[in-house]
């Protein structure tokens, strides 16, 4: 709900989480949900190429692994192509001015309301060393925030966290770079590992102030996440407690 309410406003959001936890899959699902509701979306995928990204999105869109349903692929591909979803052609380290020009063009020509940039480290890799890199990241985030305000769009930035103790939950201060990144952001969403299940945690919400945690399960067939029910959570807690009790005994 946090992102759904803010996706068409002059705002920026940050998504972070440990390496390999599924940041791209989750923001892909979120952006696809908004796009299917009529929110024109522009993707900048700097870590994985567009072919792999679209393959993931197609599974989420069809709610099935289309590799096992090739006879349905063409039908779903046709429906998917009709969505107001657009993709930048950049990959890896990319110039800020070129990326901003592409965003500006998409907003003007395609009425884009939601821009996803995944992720900021890959986009800016090799551009600045040492403290210069942090300054460059700060300058980039400031430019994106100004763009969101001027063009009345929502920009979602995927940023890796800094290296921390893997046994501790991440916090807003875990986001890579200086504090400016999270200060500039209107909302921050962290994907957490948890003791017995992964969960989404909203740690900043400038507009309503509502924070919270959403436990979820991941379905590898569809590349989608689903919120866990209270009953599922009770079962996970019981199994977790039982396993650890047996280990102690």
Protein backbone atom coordinates (compact mmCIF):
# COMPACT_ATOMS: atom_id res chain seq x y z
CA UNK A 1 0.00 0.00 0.00
CA UNK A 2 2.84 2.41 0.76
CA UNK A 3 4.21 2.26 -2.78
CA UNK A 4 0.77 2.03 -4.38
CA UNK A 5 -0.31 5.36 -2.84
CA UNK A 6 2.92 7.15 -3.69
CA UNK A 7 3.80 5.77 -7.11
CA UNK A 8 2.09 8.62 -8.95
CA UNK A 9 3.36 11.41 -6.71
CA UNK A 10 6.51 13.55 -6.77
CA UNK A 11 8.52 11.11 -4.71
CA UNK A 12 11.44 8.70 -4.52
CA UNK A 13 11.65 5.32 -2.84
CA UNK A 14 14.55 3.03 -1.96
CA UNK A 15 14.49 -0.76 -1.90
CA UNK A 16 17.40 -2.62 -0.34
CA UNK A 17 18.21 -6.10 0.91
CA UNK A 18 21.05 -8.65 1.12
CA UNK A 19 22.65 -9.96 -2.06
CA UNK A 20 20.61 -12.72 -3.68
CA UNK A 21 17.49 -12.20 -1.56
CA UNK A 22 15.34 -11.29 -4.58
CA UNK A 23 15.29 -7.50 -4.83
CA UNK A 24 14.83 -7.54 -8.61
CA UNK A 25 12.04 -10.15 -8.45
CA UNK A 26 10.13 -8.15 -5.85
CA UNK A 27 10.40 -4.75 -7.52
CA UNK A 28 9.59 -6.44 -10.83
CA UNK A 29 6.37 -7.81 -9.32
CA UNK A 30 5.46 -4.48 -7.71
CA UNK A 31 6.10 -2.48 -10.87
CA UNK A 32 4.15 -4.99 -12.96
CA UNK A 33 1.18 -4.78 -10.59
CA UNK A 34 1.10 -0.98 -10.92
CA UNK A 35 1.57 -1.18 -14.68
CA UNK A 36 -1.38 -3.56 -15.03
CA UNK A 37 -3.44 -0.94 -13.18
CA UNK A 38 -2.51 1.69 -15.79
CA UNK A 39 0.65 3.22 -14.30
CA UNK A 40 3.02 3.82 -17.24
CA UNK A 41 6.39 2.42 -16.19
CA UNK A 42 10.00 2.82 -17.32
CA UNK A 43 12.64 0.26 -16.33
CA UNK A 44 16.37 0.82 -16.15
CA UNK A 45 17.96 -2.58 -15.46
CA UNK A 46 21.70 -2.14 -15.03
CA UNK A 47 22.50 -5.44 -13.28
CA UNK A 48 20.64 -8.01 -15.41
CA UNK A 49 19.90 -7.59 -19.11
CA UNK A 50 16.40 -6.83 -20.36
CA UNK A 51 15.92 -10.32 -21.82
CA UNK A 52 16.34 -11.96 -18.39
CA UNK A 53 14.20 -9.28 -16.74
CA UNK A 54 11.33 -9.69 -19.20
CA UNK A 55 11.50 -13.47 -18.83
CA UNK A 56 11.02 -13.02 -15.06
CA UNK A 57 8.18 -10.55 -15.64
CA UNK A 58 6.46 -12.90 -18.10
CA UNK A 59 6.33 -15.64 -15.45
CA UNK A 60 4.86 -13.16 -12.97
CA UNK A 61 2.39 -11.87 -15.55
CA UNK A 62 1.21 -15.35 -16.57
CA UNK A 63 1.39 -16.65 -12.96
CA UNK A 64 3.12 -19.76 -14.29
CA UNK A 65 6.44 -20.94 -15.70
CA UNK A 66 5.90 -20.46 -19.44
CA UNK A 67 8.83 -22.76 -20.23
CA UNK A 68 6.46 -25.57 -19.23
CA UNK A 69 3.55 -24.04 -21.19
CA UNK A 70 5.08 -23.03 -24.51
CA UNK A 71 1.74 -23.37 -26.30
CA UNK A 72 0.48 -20.39 -24.24
CA UNK A 73 3.59 -18.25 -24.65
CA UNK A 74 2.49 -16.33 -27.75
CA UNK A 75 -0.85 -15.40 -26.21
CA UNK A 76 0.73 -14.10 -23.00
CA UNK A 77 3.51 -12.34 -24.96
CA UNK A 78 0.89 -10.46 -27.00
CA UNK A 79 -0.97 -9.38 -23.86
CA UNK A 80 2.27 -8.39 -22.13
CA UNK A 81 3.35 -6.25 -25.10
CA UNK A 82 0.16 -4.21 -24.72
CA UNK A 83 1.11 -3.05 -21.21
CA UNK A 84 2.50 0.51 -20.84
CA UNK A 85 5.88 -0.92 -19.79
CA UNK A 86 9.07 0.51 -21.34
CA UNK A 87 12.72 -0.41 -20.99
CA UNK A 88 15.96 1.57 -21.24
CA UNK A 89 18.72 -0.03 -23.30
CA UNK A 90 21.47 0.76 -20.78
CA UNK A 91 23.37 -2.02 -19.01
CA UNK A 92 26.16 -1.80 -16.43
CA UNK A 93 27.92 1.50 -15.80
CA UNK A 94 26.00 4.28 -17.55
CA UNK A 95 26.36 8.04 -17.80
CA UNK A 96 24.02 10.03 -15.58
CA UNK A 97 23.17 12.56 -18.31
CA UNK A 98 22.23 9.82 -20.79
CA UNK A 99 20.02 8.09 -18.22
CA UNK A 100 18.32 11.37 -17.29
CA UNK A 101 17.73 12.17 -20.98
CA UNK A 102 16.09 8.75 -21.48
CA UNK A 103 13.87 9.32 -18.45
CA UNK A 104 12.91 12.79 -19.66
CA UNK A 105 12.04 11.46 -23.11
CA UNK A 106 9.92 8.63 -21.68
CA UNK A 107 7.97 11.01 -19.43
CA UNK A 108 7.32 13.40 -22.34
CA UNK A 109 6.51 10.84 -25.05
CA UNK A 110 4.98 7.92 -23.10
CA UNK A 111 3.56 9.74 -20.04
CA UNK A 112 5.65 7.57 -17.72
CA UNK A 113 4.70 7.93 -14.05
CA UNK A 114 6.96 5.32 -12.44
CA UNK A 115 10.69 4.90 -13.08
CA UNK A 116 12.61 1.91 -11.71
CA UNK A 117 16.41 1.99 -11.56
CA UNK A 118 17.98 -1.35 -10.61
CA UNK A 119 20.48 -0.83 -9.25
CA UNK A 120 22.35 2.36 -8.39
CA UNK A 121 25.71 0.68 -7.68
CA UNK A 122 25.83 -1.01 -11.09
CA UNK A 123 24.70 2.15 -12.86
CA UNK A 124 27.47 4.23 -11.27
CA UNK A 125 30.21 1.58 -11.08
CA UNK A 126 33.67 2.89 -11.97
CA UNK A 127 32.50 6.50 -11.73
CA UNK A 128 34.51 7.92 -8.86
CA UNK A 129 36.84 6.27 -6.36
CA UNK A 130 36.98 6.31 -2.59
CA UNK A 131 35.05 9.22 -1.12
CA UNK A 132 34.42 10.51 -4.64
CA UNK A 133 32.13 7.55 -5.20
CA UNK A 134 29.97 8.50 -2.22
CA UNK A 135 29.80 12.09 -3.46
CA UNK A 136 28.80 10.85 -6.89
CA UNK A 137 26.06 8.65 -5.42
CA UNK A 138 24.74 11.56 -3.35
CA UNK A 139 24.72 13.84 -6.40
CA UNK A 140 22.87 11.17 -8.42
CA UNK A 141 20.19 10.70 -5.76
CA UNK A 142 19.71 14.47 -5.48
CA UNK A 143 19.24 14.71 -9.26
CA UNK A 144 16.70 11.89 -9.25
CA UNK A 145 14.72 13.52 -6.45
CA UNK A 146 14.62 16.83 -8.32
CA UNK A 147 13.53 15.00 -11.47
CA UNK A 148 10.69 13.28 -9.58
CA UNK A 149 9.48 16.64 -8.24
CA UNK A 150 9.73 18.48 -11.56
CA UNK A 151 8.19 15.71 -13.69
CA UNK A 152 5.63 14.52 -11.13
CA UNK A 153 6.78 10.88 -11.18
CA UNK A 154 7.77 8.27 -8.63
CA UNK A 155 11.32 6.93 -8.86
CA UNK A 156 12.21 3.62 -7.24
CA UNK A 157 15.92 3.15 -6.60
CA UNK A 158 17.33 -0.28 -5.82
CA UNK A 159 20.47 0.12 -3.69
CA UNK A 160 22.58 -2.65 -2.17
CA UNK A 161 23.25 -2.41 1.57
CA UNK A 162 26.69 -1.91 3.07
CA UNK A 163 28.46 -5.02 4.37
CA UNK A 164 27.21 -5.80 7.87
CA UNK A 165 26.75 -8.76 10.22
CA UNK A 166 24.57 -11.26 8.34
CA UNK A 167 22.86 -12.33 11.57
CA UNK A 168 21.49 -8.85 12.24
CA UNK A 169 18.47 -7.27 10.58
CA UNK A 170 19.18 -4.39 8.23
CA UNK A 171 18.08 -0.85 9.08
CA UNK A 172 17.70 2.44 7.24
CA UNK A 173 21.34 3.23 8.04
CA UNK A 174 22.39 -0.01 6.30
CA UNK A 175 21.77 1.48 2.84
CA UNK A 176 25.07 1.87 0.97
CA UNK A 177 26.52 5.38 0.79
CA UNK A 178 26.07 8.34 3.08
CA UNK A 179 22.94 9.20 5.06
CA UNK A 180 21.84 11.51 2.24
CA UNK A 181 20.33 8.62 0.28
CA UNK A 182 17.73 7.75 2.91
CA UNK A 183 17.28 11.41 3.93
CA UNK A 184 16.28 12.29 0.36
CA UNK A 185 14.00 9.25 0.00
CA UNK A 186 10.31 9.48 0.82
CA UNK A 187 10.04 5.80 1.64
CA UNK A 188 12.45 2.96 2.37
CA UNK A 189 11.57 -0.71 1.93
CA UNK A 190 13.97 -3.37 3.25
CA UNK A 191 13.85 -7.07 2.36
CA UNK A 192 14.82 -8.94 5.52
CA UNK A 193 15.86 -12.57 6.04
CA UNK A 194 14.26 -13.10 9.44
CA UNK A 195 14.66 -16.10 11.76
CA UNK A 196 12.15 -18.39 10.07
CA UNK A 197 10.78 -16.42 7.10
CA UNK A 198 11.68 -13.51 4.91
CA UNK A 199 9.70 -10.31 5.21
CA UNK A 200 9.33 -6.82 3.78
CA UNK A 201 9.84 -3.99 6.23
CA UNK A 202 8.83 -0.38 5.66
CA UNK A 203 11.32 1.63 7.73
CA UNK A 204 10.49 5.09 6.38
CA UNK A 205 7.23 6.56 5.11
CA UNK A 206 7.34 10.33 4.79
CA UNK A 207 3.68 10.76 3.82
CA UNK A 208 1.58 8.78 6.28
CA UNK A 209 4.26 7.66 8.72
CA UNK A 210 2.89 4.11 8.72
CA UNK A 211 5.63 1.51 9.16
CA UNK A 212 5.40 -2.25 9.37
CA UNK A 213 6.49 -5.75 8.39
CA UNK A 214 4.98 -8.14 5.84
CA UNK A 215 6.13 -11.80 6.01
CA UNK A 216 6.10 -13.55 2.65
CA UNK A 217 6.87 -16.75 0.79
CA UNK A 218 8.47 -16.98 -2.64
CA UNK A 219 7.10 -19.16 -5.43
CA UNK A 220 9.97 -20.09 -7.81
CA UNK A 221 7.54 -21.27 -10.51
CA UNK A 222 6.00 -17.83 -10.93
CA UNK A 223 8.83 -15.67 -9.48
CA UNK A 224 6.20 -14.04 -7.27
CA UNK A 225 5.96 -13.44 -3.53
CA UNK A 226 2.81 -14.00 -1.48
CA UNK A 227 2.01 -12.65 1.97
CA UNK A 228 2.03 -15.36 4.61
CA UNK A 229 -1.20 -15.95 6.49
CA UNK A 230 -1.38 -15.84 10.33
CA UNK A 231 -1.85 -19.62 10.26
CA UNK A 232 1.33 -20.09 8.20
CA UNK A 233 3.24 -17.87 10.62
CA UNK A 234 2.01 -19.89 13.61
CA UNK A 235 3.18 -23.12 11.94
CA UNK A 236 6.59 -21.61 11.15
CA UNK A 237 7.02 -20.45 14.75
CA UNK A 238 6.08 -23.89 16.10
CA UNK A 239 8.49 -25.67 13.74
CA UNK A 240 11.26 -23.18 14.51
CA UNK A 241 10.78 -23.61 18.28
CA UNK A 242 10.58 -27.41 17.98
CA UNK A 243 13.75 -27.65 15.86
CA UNK A 244 15.77 -25.48 18.21
CA UNK A 245 14.50 -27.33 21.29
CA UNK A 246 15.58 -30.67 19.76
CA UNK A 247 19.01 -29.23 18.96
CA UNK A 248 19.47 -28.14 22.58
CA UNK A 249 18.34 -31.54 23.92
